[in-house]
C-alpha cells in the first residue's frame, strides 16, 4: 500500500468517528424524550375519569366546588354554595349566545380544541410577556371545572386536554354546553347560570334581558374580580360593548335594543 493510499483512508476514519457518536447521542436524547412523553401520557390516560357518568346524570359537586370550599376553610371561613340546575331549554338563548361569542365562538365547529385561537393567544401572551389571553375552549373549561384543581402545569394541561377529548367523544355538543353553563363559577360560591341570574338579577336564567345576559357573559373571564352588576370597570365596559355589537350583527335583537345597550354600557 502506498503512502498516498494510507493517509486519505486514515483521515476519513478519524473524521467520521466523532460525527457518528454525536448523531448517536442526539438520537438517544430525542428517543428518551419521546419515551418520557409517552409514559406521561399513558399514566395520565389510565387515571382519567369516566366522563360517561355525566352523559345523562347531572353532577351535584365538581372539583372546582370542592377546591374553593377547601380554600375557604383554610382561611377559617365557610363558603356558601349556591347552585341550581337548569336544563338548556330553561336558559335564555341570549345568555347562551353571549357566552358562546365571548368564550368559544367556534364551539359547534371544533372537536374540543380551537387551534387557531390557541396560536393567537400564545402570540399575544409572548408579545405582552405575560398571560393576557386564554385559548381554552368551552370543552376544556368544562374538563377543568368538573375534574381538576386550578394549576398552570404541563401535567394538568395534559390531563385537561385528554379529558376534553373524552368529553367530545362521548357527549353531544348540547350536553357539553348544558353542563358548562351549569357548573362554571359566577362569583364566590355561585355556580351555574340559574344561580347567577337569581343572585345578580333576582330572576331565573330563562328570563334574562339582553343587557343582563351580556353582563353575566362578560365576567366569566374572572368572576371573582369582576361584577356583573357594576359597570365601572373599563375592561368590562369595552367587553360588553363588543358583545352587544356582535350580538346585534347576528340579529339577536333589533337596532333600538342595540342603541339602548350602547348607552347603558358606555356610562
Protein backbone atom coordinates (compact mmCIF):
# COMPACT_ATOMS: atom_id res chain seq x y z
CA UNK A 1 0.00 0.00 0.00
CA UNK A 2 1.41 3.41 -0.91
CA UNK A 3 1.69 6.39 1.41
CA UNK A 4 -0.88 8.22 -0.71
CA UNK A 5 -3.29 5.34 -0.20
CA UNK A 6 -2.87 5.29 3.60
CA UNK A 7 -3.27 8.95 4.51
CA UNK A 8 -6.74 9.63 2.98
CA UNK A 9 -8.09 6.40 4.50
CA UNK A 10 -6.86 7.27 7.98
CA UNK A 11 -8.21 10.82 7.78
CA UNK A 12 -11.60 9.58 6.70
CA UNK A 13 -11.84 7.14 9.60
CA UNK A 14 -10.67 9.64 12.20
CA UNK A 15 -13.11 12.34 10.96
CA UNK A 16 -16.12 10.02 10.84
CA UNK A 17 -15.97 8.67 14.41
CA UNK A 18 -16.96 11.90 16.26
CA UNK A 19 -19.79 12.63 13.82
CA UNK A 20 -21.32 9.19 14.24
CA UNK A 21 -21.02 9.45 18.02
CA UNK A 22 -22.72 12.86 18.05
CA UNK A 23 -25.58 11.66 15.88
CA UNK A 24 -25.99 8.59 18.05
CA UNK A 25 -26.17 10.66 21.25
CA UNK A 26 -28.66 13.08 19.69
CA UNK A 27 -30.82 10.18 18.57
CA UNK A 28 -30.76 8.65 22.05
CA UNK A 29 -31.74 12.01 23.57
CA UNK A 30 -34.78 12.54 21.37
CA UNK A 31 -35.80 8.92 21.76
CA UNK A 32 -35.60 9.34 25.53
CA UNK A 33 -37.76 12.48 25.38
CA UNK A 34 -40.38 10.66 23.31
CA UNK A 35 -40.38 7.76 25.76
CA UNK A 36 -40.88 10.10 28.74
CA UNK A 37 -43.74 11.91 26.98
CA UNK A 38 -45.31 8.59 26.05
CA UNK A 39 -45.07 7.27 29.61
CA UNK A 40 -46.57 10.50 30.99
CA UNK A 41 -49.44 10.39 28.50
CA UNK A 42 -50.13 6.74 29.30
CA UNK A 43 -50.05 7.42 33.05
CA UNK A 44 -52.48 10.32 32.70
CA UNK A 45 -54.76 8.37 30.37
CA UNK A 46 -55.04 5.47 32.80
CA UNK A 47 -56.18 7.83 35.58
CA UNK A 48 -58.75 9.76 33.55
CA UNK A 49 -62.28 9.98 34.98
CA UNK A 50 -65.22 8.16 33.43
CA UNK A 51 -66.94 11.02 31.64
CA UNK A 52 -69.86 8.85 30.54
CA UNK A 53 -71.24 9.32 34.08
CA UNK A 54 -72.28 12.88 33.20
CA UNK A 55 -73.75 11.88 29.86
CA UNK A 56 -77.21 11.70 31.46
CA UNK A 57 -76.70 12.38 35.17
CA UNK A 58 -76.24 15.95 36.43
CA UNK A 59 -73.18 16.31 38.71
CA UNK A 60 -74.05 17.54 42.20
CA UNK A 61 -70.50 18.53 43.01
CA UNK A 62 -67.41 19.36 40.96
CA UNK A 63 -63.67 19.53 41.56
CA UNK A 64 -63.72 23.33 41.48
CA UNK A 65 -66.51 23.46 44.08
CA UNK A 66 -64.54 21.26 46.48
CA UNK A 67 -61.36 23.22 45.82
CA UNK A 68 -62.96 26.61 46.53
CA UNK A 69 -64.56 25.35 49.73
CA UNK A 70 -61.24 23.85 50.91
CA UNK A 71 -59.56 27.19 50.17
CA UNK A 72 -62.15 28.99 52.25
CA UNK A 73 -61.83 26.58 55.18
CA UNK A 74 -58.07 27.13 55.23
CA UNK A 75 -58.82 30.81 55.82
CA UNK A 76 -61.19 29.93 58.66
CA UNK A 77 -64.34 30.66 56.67
CA UNK A 78 -67.17 28.52 55.36
CA UNK A 79 -68.10 29.30 51.76
CA UNK A 80 -71.80 29.22 50.96
CA UNK A 81 -72.57 27.25 47.82
CA UNK A 82 -75.39 28.46 45.56
CA UNK A 83 -76.14 26.04 42.74
CA UNK A 84 -79.46 25.49 40.94
CA UNK A 85 -79.57 23.18 37.94
CA UNK A 86 -81.32 24.43 34.79
CA UNK A 87 -81.72 22.41 31.57
CA UNK A 88 -80.50 24.14 28.42
CA UNK A 89 -84.13 24.75 27.40
CA UNK A 90 -84.57 26.86 30.56
CA UNK A 91 -81.58 29.13 29.93
CA UNK A 92 -82.11 32.27 27.89
CA UNK A 93 -80.87 31.96 24.27
CA UNK A 94 -79.49 35.46 24.77
CA UNK A 95 -77.19 34.22 27.53
CA UNK A 96 -76.25 31.08 25.59
CA UNK A 97 -75.26 33.14 22.56
CA UNK A 98 -73.44 35.76 24.63
CA UNK A 99 -71.40 33.04 26.34
CA UNK A 100 -70.58 31.31 23.06
CA UNK A 101 -69.47 34.56 21.42
CA UNK A 102 -67.44 35.55 24.47
CA UNK A 103 -65.82 32.23 25.34
CA UNK A 104 -65.80 29.93 22.31
CA UNK A 105 -67.32 31.22 19.10
CA UNK A 106 -66.39 28.06 17.15
CA UNK A 107 -67.77 25.64 19.75
CA UNK A 108 -70.08 23.80 17.35
CA UNK A 109 -67.37 23.57 14.67
CA UNK A 110 -64.33 22.24 16.56
CA UNK A 111 -63.75 18.89 18.29
CA UNK A 112 -62.62 20.24 21.63
CA UNK A 113 -59.68 22.43 20.59
CA UNK A 114 -59.58 25.70 18.68
CA UNK A 115 -56.04 25.57 17.29
CA UNK A 116 -56.23 29.00 15.64
CA UNK A 117 -57.36 30.64 18.87
CA UNK A 118 -54.61 28.85 20.80
CA UNK A 119 -51.98 30.12 18.35
CA UNK A 120 -53.25 33.70 18.50
CA UNK A 121 -53.39 33.59 22.31
CA UNK A 122 -49.82 32.29 22.52
CA UNK A 123 -48.56 35.01 20.19
CA UNK A 124 -50.33 37.73 22.19
CA UNK A 125 -49.07 36.37 25.53
CA UNK A 126 -45.50 36.18 24.22
CA UNK A 127 -45.78 39.72 22.89
CA UNK A 128 -47.02 41.03 26.26
CA UNK A 129 -44.64 38.72 28.19
CA UNK A 130 -47.50 37.59 30.42
CA UNK A 131 -50.77 35.67 30.17
CA UNK A 132 -53.36 38.17 28.95
CA UNK A 133 -55.48 35.86 26.82
CA UNK A 134 -56.53 32.25 27.19
CA UNK A 135 -57.13 29.86 24.34
CA UNK A 136 -59.23 27.26 26.11
CA UNK A 137 -62.48 26.10 24.56
CA UNK A 138 -65.72 25.55 26.46
CA UNK A 139 -64.96 21.81 26.46
CA UNK A 140 -61.54 22.39 28.01
CA UNK A 141 -63.01 24.73 30.62
CA UNK A 142 -65.65 22.13 31.46
CA UNK A 143 -62.97 19.44 31.87
CA UNK A 144 -61.11 21.70 34.30
CA UNK A 145 -64.20 22.63 36.31
CA UNK A 146 -65.55 19.10 36.60
CA UNK A 147 -62.40 17.17 37.39
CA UNK A 148 -59.28 19.26 38.06
CA UNK A 149 -57.76 21.69 40.54
CA UNK A 150 -56.50 25.04 39.19
CA UNK A 151 -52.81 24.76 38.29
CA UNK A 152 -50.63 26.00 35.43
CA UNK A 153 -48.52 22.88 34.94
CA UNK A 154 -47.83 20.74 31.85
CA UNK A 155 -49.23 17.71 33.70
CA UNK A 156 -52.56 19.41 34.41
CA UNK A 157 -52.81 20.79 30.88
CA UNK A 158 -52.26 17.29 29.53
CA UNK A 159 -54.99 15.97 31.82
CA UNK A 160 -57.31 18.76 30.69
CA UNK A 161 -56.67 18.05 27.02
CA UNK A 162 -57.28 14.31 27.35
CA UNK A 163 -60.45 14.78 29.40
CA UNK A 164 -61.72 17.33 26.87
CA UNK A 165 -61.14 14.82 24.10
CA UNK A 166 -63.11 12.18 26.02
CA UNK A 167 -65.97 14.62 26.61
CA UNK A 168 -66.16 15.42 22.90
CA UNK A 169 -66.05 11.74 22.02
CA UNK A 170 -68.75 10.59 24.46
CA UNK A 171 -71.14 13.54 24.86
CA UNK A 172 -73.27 15.54 22.45
CA UNK A 173 -72.32 19.18 21.95
CA UNK A 174 -75.54 20.44 23.51
CA UNK A 175 -74.90 18.32 26.60
CA UNK A 176 -71.36 19.71 26.96
CA UNK A 177 -72.77 23.23 26.70
CA UNK A 178 -75.52 22.45 29.22
CA UNK A 179 -73.01 21.07 31.71
CA UNK A 180 -70.73 24.06 31.23
CA UNK A 181 -73.47 26.61 31.83
CA UNK A 182 -74.49 24.79 35.00
CA UNK A 183 -71.14 24.25 36.73
CA UNK A 184 -68.88 27.22 35.93
CA UNK A 185 -68.22 29.86 38.57
CA UNK A 186 -70.11 33.14 38.50
CA UNK A 187 -68.79 34.57 41.74
CA UNK A 188 -67.76 33.36 45.19
CA UNK A 189 -69.77 30.20 45.81
CA UNK A 190 -72.06 30.86 42.84
CA UNK A 191 -72.19 28.09 40.24
CA UNK A 192 -74.18 27.96 37.04
CA UNK A 193 -76.41 30.31 35.08
CA UNK A 194 -79.52 29.82 37.21
CA UNK A 195 -77.78 30.72 40.46
CA UNK A 196 -76.02 33.67 38.78
CA UNK A 197 -79.29 35.03 37.40
CA UNK A 198 -81.07 34.74 40.75
CA UNK A 199 -78.25 36.26 42.81
CA UNK A 200 -77.47 39.14 40.45
CA UNK A 201 -80.87 39.99 38.99
CA UNK A 202 -83.50 38.24 41.11
CA UNK A 203 -84.90 36.22 38.22
CA UNK A 204 -84.43 32.87 36.50
CA UNK A 205 -81.89 32.25 33.76
CA UNK A 206 -84.79 31.91 31.31
CA UNK A 207 -85.95 35.49 31.92
CA UNK A 208 -82.72 37.42 31.37
CA UNK A 209 -82.79 40.59 29.28
CA UNK A 210 -80.13 41.28 26.61
CA UNK A 211 -78.23 43.57 28.98
CA UNK A 212 -78.31 41.05 31.82
CA UNK A 213 -77.18 38.23 29.54
CA UNK A 214 -74.24 40.30 28.31
CA UNK A 215 -73.30 41.33 31.85
CA UNK A 216 -73.17 37.71 33.00
CA UNK A 217 -71.23 36.51 29.96
CA UNK A 218 -68.66 39.30 30.30
CA UNK A 219 -67.48 38.30 33.80
CA UNK A 220 -66.81 34.59 33.12
CA UNK A 221 -63.17 35.52 32.46
CA UNK A 222 -62.74 36.25 36.20
CA UNK A 223 -65.99 36.17 38.23
CA UNK A 224 -64.10 36.71 41.50
CA UNK A 225 -62.68 40.01 40.29
CA UNK A 226 -65.43 41.47 38.10
CA UNK A 227 -69.07 42.21 38.92
CA UNK A 228 -71.98 41.55 36.59
CA UNK A 229 -73.92 44.41 38.18
CA UNK A 230 -71.21 47.09 38.26
CA UNK A 231 -70.21 48.88 35.06
CA UNK A 232 -67.33 50.94 36.46
CA UNK A 233 -64.50 48.72 35.17
CA UNK A 234 -63.19 49.92 31.80
CA UNK A 235 -62.31 46.42 30.62
CA UNK A 236 -65.82 45.18 31.37
CA UNK A 237 -67.44 48.17 29.66
CA UNK A 238 -65.41 47.54 26.49
CA UNK A 239 -66.12 43.82 26.56
CA UNK A 240 -69.86 44.43 26.99
CA UNK A 241 -69.94 46.93 24.15
CA UNK A 242 -68.16 44.45 21.90
CA UNK A 243 -70.56 41.65 22.84
CA UNK A 244 -73.54 43.92 22.26
CA UNK A 245 -72.25 44.80 18.80
CA UNK A 246 -71.57 41.19 17.81
CA UNK A 247 -74.96 40.01 19.03
CA UNK A 248 -76.68 42.80 17.08
CA UNK A 249 -74.81 41.85 13.91
CA UNK A 250 -76.14 38.32 14.34
CA UNK A 251 -79.68 39.72 14.58
CA UNK A 252 -80.25 38.54 18.14
CA UNK A 253 -82.13 41.78 18.81
CA UNK A 254 -83.19 44.88 16.89
CA UNK A 255 -81.38 48.19 16.40
CA UNK A 256 -83.34 50.06 19.06
CA UNK A 257 -82.29 47.47 21.67
CA UNK A 258 -78.70 47.77 20.49
CA UNK A 259 -78.76 51.55 20.91
CA UNK A 260 -80.06 51.16 24.46
CA UNK A 261 -77.31 48.68 25.24
CA UNK A 262 -74.64 51.02 23.89
CA UNK A 263 -75.99 53.81 26.06
CA UNK A 264 -76.06 51.57 29.13
CA UNK A 265 -72.57 50.13 28.73
CA UNK A 266 -70.92 53.41 27.76
CA UNK A 267 -71.72 55.08 31.05
